[in-house]
Each structure stands twice: as C-alpha cells, then as structure tokens.
C-alpha cells in the first residue's frame, strides 16, 4: 500500500506516480510497499477528532490534528493500491458536510505542549482614541474555531460587547481574506482602540462551538 500527501494550497503533490514507479517530492526517491513521509509534514501531530463515511468501495476518513489542521484520507483507486491524505482548508472546510460523516471516538493521546505565543501589548504603540471600523464574518469565525484559534475579539459598540473578525482604519475598505470569500461579512460599527478587548475560549467552549458548527451542517442539509 502506498501513501500520497496532497497539499492543496500550493497545488503541490509531494507523492506522485510516474512511469509505473512511485516517487516522493522533488528528490524522486522511489517508494516501496512501506514508504515514509520524508517531508516530515506529520511529525509531532496527534489526531484528536476522527470522522468516517462508507462509500461504495471503501471507508473515507477525516482527521483533525491537535494543531487544528484537517485532512481527508481516502483510497486512490478501487484496489487499495494507494491512499491519499489531502488538506481540507479555507472555503471547503467552512462548508464541510459533517452531516455525511460519523464522529468516531478517538483514543485520548498525550498532546505535545503548545509553543507559547508571543503576546504583544499593542496599547503601548497605539493611541486609545485611534478610530477603527469593525466587521464580522460568520465564515471567518467558523474557520478560526475549526483551526483551534482560541481568541475571541470583542469591541464595545452602542452599549454592548460585540464579536468582530476584522478591524480596519476608519473609512478604509476591509481587506480580503486569502483563506475564504467573506461574502457574509457585515459592518458592526465604529469604535476606538480603547474599546477593544480579547478573551480566550476555554477548551469546553471550543468543543461547544465545534459541536454547533457540526449541527449547522445538519441544518443546511435538511433544508
């Protein structure tokens, strides 16, 4: 059995087939029935969520890693000659049909410790009265949650704290995201830098948000 890793973002096929021989990446290392991923793409990754669905000839799997990356794992042909591990990213991940898959219980693993993110206190560099326009996109927020981004950005507008996904200088057009088409983006108002705060989701809150995302997939399918 051979293994193929497909990286969609750069349209790169690390493992490919040519002249009836298997090769890896640019090195053109020949594959054998047991071939290792010399790209080291999956070093130190742990699977934390597993989904599956039955197809006509095989079982297709979907994996989520502890780093918030998603992959489809499926047979490349009907004879199981090779299997493909493919990134799920951007627009495809936001609208992923979870309703077609069954969530499988995953054996708990010892998760590698996360590298500590460097926190920058921007208040030292930006005047609190600097004005900004704020926007919110449910699609962008969904993508953030599915990728295990734990921060919750809030801005105080019209007497209440509102979640936002994009902040631009007042009067400027919001920039486009390279991950997805934020066609659901809405303007939520203007405020100053001093009206912003950032909260961090707990693990339980993230789990609940992910469950709601899966539930929305079922709701879309039932309409």
Protein backbone atom coordinates (compact mmCIF):
# COMPACT_ATOMS: atom_id res chain seq x y z
CA UNK A 1 0.00 0.00 0.00
CA UNK A 2 1.30 3.44 -0.90
CA UNK A 3 0.58 6.80 0.64
CA UNK A 4 0.10 10.12 -1.12
CA UNK A 5 0.05 13.51 0.54
CA UNK A 6 -1.63 16.28 -1.43
CA UNK A 7 -1.15 19.90 -0.39
CA UNK A 8 -3.96 21.92 -1.93
CA UNK A 9 -2.78 25.42 -1.03
CA UNK A 10 0.26 25.34 -3.28
CA UNK A 11 -1.10 22.69 -5.64
CA UNK A 12 1.84 20.54 -4.58
CA UNK A 13 1.79 16.78 -4.85
CA UNK A 14 4.58 15.53 -2.65
CA UNK A 15 3.97 11.95 -3.66
CA UNK A 16 3.24 11.20 -7.29
CA UNK A 17 3.13 8.38 -9.80
CA UNK A 18 5.20 8.29 -12.99
CA UNK A 19 6.25 5.53 -15.35
CA UNK A 20 4.80 2.86 -13.08
CA UNK A 21 7.09 3.88 -10.22
CA UNK A 22 6.33 5.83 -7.06
CA UNK A 23 8.38 8.86 -6.11
CA UNK A 24 8.47 11.31 -3.23
CA UNK A 25 8.69 15.06 -3.72
CA UNK A 26 11.45 16.69 -5.68
CA UNK A 27 14.06 14.16 -4.58
CA UNK A 28 12.44 11.43 -6.70
CA UNK A 29 13.03 8.86 -4.00
CA UNK A 30 11.47 5.54 -5.06
CA UNK A 31 8.59 4.25 -2.95
CA UNK A 32 8.30 0.70 -1.69
CA UNK A 33 5.26 -1.06 -0.18
CA UNK A 34 6.34 0.68 3.06
CA UNK A 35 7.21 4.31 2.45
CA UNK A 36 7.87 7.04 4.99
CA UNK A 37 6.88 10.68 4.72
CA UNK A 38 10.26 12.35 4.19
CA UNK A 39 8.60 15.77 4.10
CA UNK A 40 8.22 15.48 7.91
CA UNK A 41 4.81 17.05 7.46
CA UNK A 42 3.20 14.95 10.18
CA UNK A 43 5.96 14.95 12.79
CA UNK A 44 4.62 15.69 16.29
CA UNK A 45 0.98 15.73 15.12
CA UNK A 46 -1.72 13.95 17.12
CA UNK A 47 -5.20 13.11 15.85
CA UNK A 48 -7.87 14.49 18.19
CA UNK A 49 -11.00 14.02 16.06
CA UNK A 50 -11.84 11.25 13.60
CA UNK A 51 -14.79 11.05 11.22
CA UNK A 52 -15.70 8.39 8.68
CA UNK A 53 -18.22 7.60 5.99
CA UNK A 54 -18.82 4.47 3.96
CA UNK A 55 -18.51 4.76 0.19
CA UNK A 56 -19.23 2.15 -2.45
CA UNK A 57 -15.80 0.54 -2.25
CA UNK A 58 -14.05 1.99 0.81
CA UNK A 59 -14.31 3.86 4.07
CA UNK A 60 -13.26 7.50 3.82
CA UNK A 61 -11.77 9.14 6.92
CA UNK A 62 -11.40 12.74 8.07
CA UNK A 63 -8.84 13.64 10.71
CA UNK A 64 -8.34 16.74 12.80
CA UNK A 65 -4.95 17.22 14.47
CA UNK A 66 -4.22 18.90 17.79
CA UNK A 67 -2.73 21.81 15.82
CA UNK A 68 -6.10 22.45 14.14
CA UNK A 69 -5.29 21.04 10.70
CA UNK A 70 -7.79 18.88 8.80
CA UNK A 71 -7.21 16.03 6.34
CA UNK A 72 -9.24 13.67 4.20
CA UNK A 73 -7.82 10.14 3.98
CA UNK A 74 -9.21 8.01 1.17
CA UNK A 75 -8.33 5.28 -1.31
CA UNK A 76 -6.83 6.43 -4.60
CA UNK A 77 -8.27 3.51 -6.55
CA UNK A 78 -10.73 0.66 -6.04
CA UNK A 79 -7.96 -1.88 -5.38
CA UNK A 80 -6.37 -0.06 -2.43
CA UNK A 81 -3.10 0.33 -4.32
CA UNK A 82 -2.55 3.71 -2.69
CA UNK A 83 -4.18 6.06 -0.21
CA UNK A 84 -4.35 9.84 -0.31
CA UNK A 85 -4.03 12.28 2.59
CA UNK A 86 -5.41 15.64 1.45
CA UNK A 87 -5.63 19.01 3.20
CA UNK A 88 -9.08 20.44 3.94
CA UNK A 89 -8.77 24.21 4.07
CA UNK A 90 -10.50 27.53 3.54
CA UNK A 91 -13.87 27.52 1.83
CA UNK A 92 -14.02 23.72 1.73
CA UNK A 93 -13.53 23.47 5.49
CA UNK A 94 -16.05 26.20 6.33
CA UNK A 95 -18.78 24.42 4.35
CA UNK A 96 -17.61 20.88 5.11
CA UNK A 97 -20.55 18.38 5.06
CA UNK A 98 -20.15 16.97 8.57
CA UNK A 99 -23.65 15.51 8.28
CA UNK A 100 -22.32 12.93 5.81
CA UNK A 101 -19.76 11.63 8.32
CA UNK A 102 -19.91 9.82 11.64
CA UNK A 103 -17.86 11.19 14.51
CA UNK A 104 -15.73 8.35 15.85
CA UNK A 105 -14.45 8.08 19.40
CA UNK A 106 -10.73 8.87 19.42
CA UNK A 107 -8.40 7.29 21.95
CA UNK A 108 -7.03 10.04 24.24
CA UNK A 109 -3.41 10.87 23.49
CA UNK A 110 -0.71 12.80 25.25
CA UNK A 111 -0.82 16.07 23.34
CA UNK A 112 2.51 17.84 22.81
CA UNK A 113 2.73 21.11 24.67
CA UNK A 114 1.87 24.14 22.57
CA UNK A 115 4.55 26.67 21.93
CA UNK A 116 3.83 29.81 23.89
CA UNK A 117 2.60 32.55 21.61
CA UNK A 118 4.32 35.88 21.95
CA UNK A 119 1.74 38.38 23.17
CA UNK A 120 2.28 41.94 22.05
CA UNK A 121 0.70 44.71 24.08
CA UNK A 122 -0.32 46.99 21.22
CA UNK A 123 -1.68 49.58 23.65
CA UNK A 124 1.91 50.73 24.14
CA UNK A 125 2.14 51.69 20.48
CA UNK A 126 -1.40 52.79 19.54
CA UNK A 127 -3.36 55.70 20.97
CA UNK A 128 -6.53 54.52 22.69
CA UNK A 129 -8.57 57.13 20.82
CA UNK A 130 -7.50 55.85 17.38
CA UNK A 131 -10.73 55.08 15.48
CA UNK A 132 -11.45 51.86 13.58
CA UNK A 133 -14.27 50.22 11.65
CA UNK A 134 -15.24 46.70 12.71
CA UNK A 135 -16.66 43.82 10.68
CA UNK A 136 -17.91 40.33 11.47
CA UNK A 137 -17.99 37.24 9.24
CA UNK A 138 -19.53 34.01 10.50
CA UNK A 139 -17.50 32.10 7.90
CA UNK A 140 -14.23 33.62 9.08
CA UNK A 141 -15.12 32.93 12.72
CA UNK A 142 -16.04 29.33 11.85
CA UNK A 143 -12.69 28.81 10.13
CA UNK A 144 -10.91 30.28 13.14
CA UNK A 145 -12.66 27.87 15.52
CA UNK A 146 -12.07 24.80 13.33
CA UNK A 147 -8.37 25.68 13.29
CA UNK A 148 -8.30 25.82 17.12
CA UNK A 149 -7.78 29.58 17.33
CA UNK A 150 -8.76 30.30 20.91
CA UNK A 151 -9.08 34.06 20.94
CA UNK A 152 -12.42 35.90 20.98
CA UNK A 153 -12.11 39.50 19.77
CA UNK A 154 -14.71 41.87 21.23
CA UNK A 155 -15.46 45.56 20.73
CA UNK A 156 -17.75 47.81 22.77
CA UNK A 157 -20.28 49.47 20.44
CA UNK A 158 -23.63 51.07 21.33
CA UNK A 159 -23.53 49.86 24.91
CA UNK A 160 -22.70 46.19 24.29
CA UNK A 161 -19.72 43.95 23.59
CA UNK A 162 -19.80 42.57 20.05
CA UNK A 163 -17.62 39.91 18.47
CA UNK A 164 -15.60 41.02 15.45
CA UNK A 165 -13.33 39.25 12.98
CA UNK A 166 -11.83 42.21 11.16
CA UNK A 167 -10.61 45.66 12.20
CA UNK A 168 -9.55 48.35 9.70
CA UNK A 169 -8.70 52.02 9.95
CA UNK A 170 -11.84 54.15 9.93
CA UNK A 171 -13.08 54.73 6.39
CA UNK A 172 -10.89 52.05 4.81
CA UNK A 173 -12.29 49.16 2.79
CA UNK A 174 -11.97 45.81 4.61
CA UNK A 175 -9.18 43.64 3.22
CA UNK A 176 -9.96 40.30 1.59
CA UNK A 177 -9.06 37.08 3.36
CA UNK A 178 -6.88 34.70 1.34
CA UNK A 179 -8.49 31.70 3.08
CA UNK A 180 -12.13 32.28 2.21
CA UNK A 181 -14.55 34.57 0.44
CA UNK A 182 -16.11 36.55 3.29
CA UNK A 183 -19.31 37.24 1.37
CA UNK A 184 -21.27 37.17 4.64
CA UNK A 185 -19.21 39.95 6.21
CA UNK A 186 -21.23 42.71 7.90
CA UNK A 187 -20.26 46.11 9.27
CA UNK A 188 -20.95 46.21 13.01
CA UNK A 189 -19.86 49.76 13.76
CA UNK A 190 -17.00 52.09 14.60
CA UNK A 191 -15.11 52.44 17.86
CA UNK A 192 -11.70 53.33 19.25
CA UNK A 193 -8.75 51.11 20.08
CA UNK A 194 -9.56 51.59 23.76
CA UNK A 195 -12.93 49.87 23.23
CA UNK A 196 -11.35 46.53 22.25
CA UNK A 197 -10.72 43.50 24.43
CA UNK A 198 -9.61 39.94 23.76
CA UNK A 199 -10.87 36.90 25.64
CA UNK A 200 -9.66 33.34 25.33
CA UNK A 201 -12.04 30.43 24.84
CA UNK A 202 -11.73 27.53 27.24
CA UNK A 203 -11.37 24.00 25.86
CA UNK A 204 -15.00 23.33 26.80
CA UNK A 205 -16.18 26.45 24.95
CA UNK A 206 -14.22 25.43 21.85
CA UNK A 207 -15.76 21.95 21.98
CA UNK A 208 -19.23 23.50 22.21
CA UNK A 209 -18.57 25.86 19.28
CA UNK A 210 -17.32 22.93 17.16
CA UNK A 211 -20.45 20.96 18.05
CA UNK A 212 -22.59 23.91 16.90
CA UNK A 213 -20.67 24.03 13.60
CA UNK A 214 -21.39 20.33 13.01
CA UNK A 215 -25.04 20.90 13.88
CA UNK A 216 -25.31 23.69 11.30
CA UNK A 217 -24.14 21.21 8.67
CA UNK A 218 -27.13 19.01 9.50
CA UNK A 219 -29.44 22.03 9.42
CA UNK A 220 -28.21 23.05 5.94
CA UNK A 221 -28.71 19.51 4.65
CA UNK A 222 -32.28 19.33 5.94
CA UNK A 223 -33.40 22.48 4.10
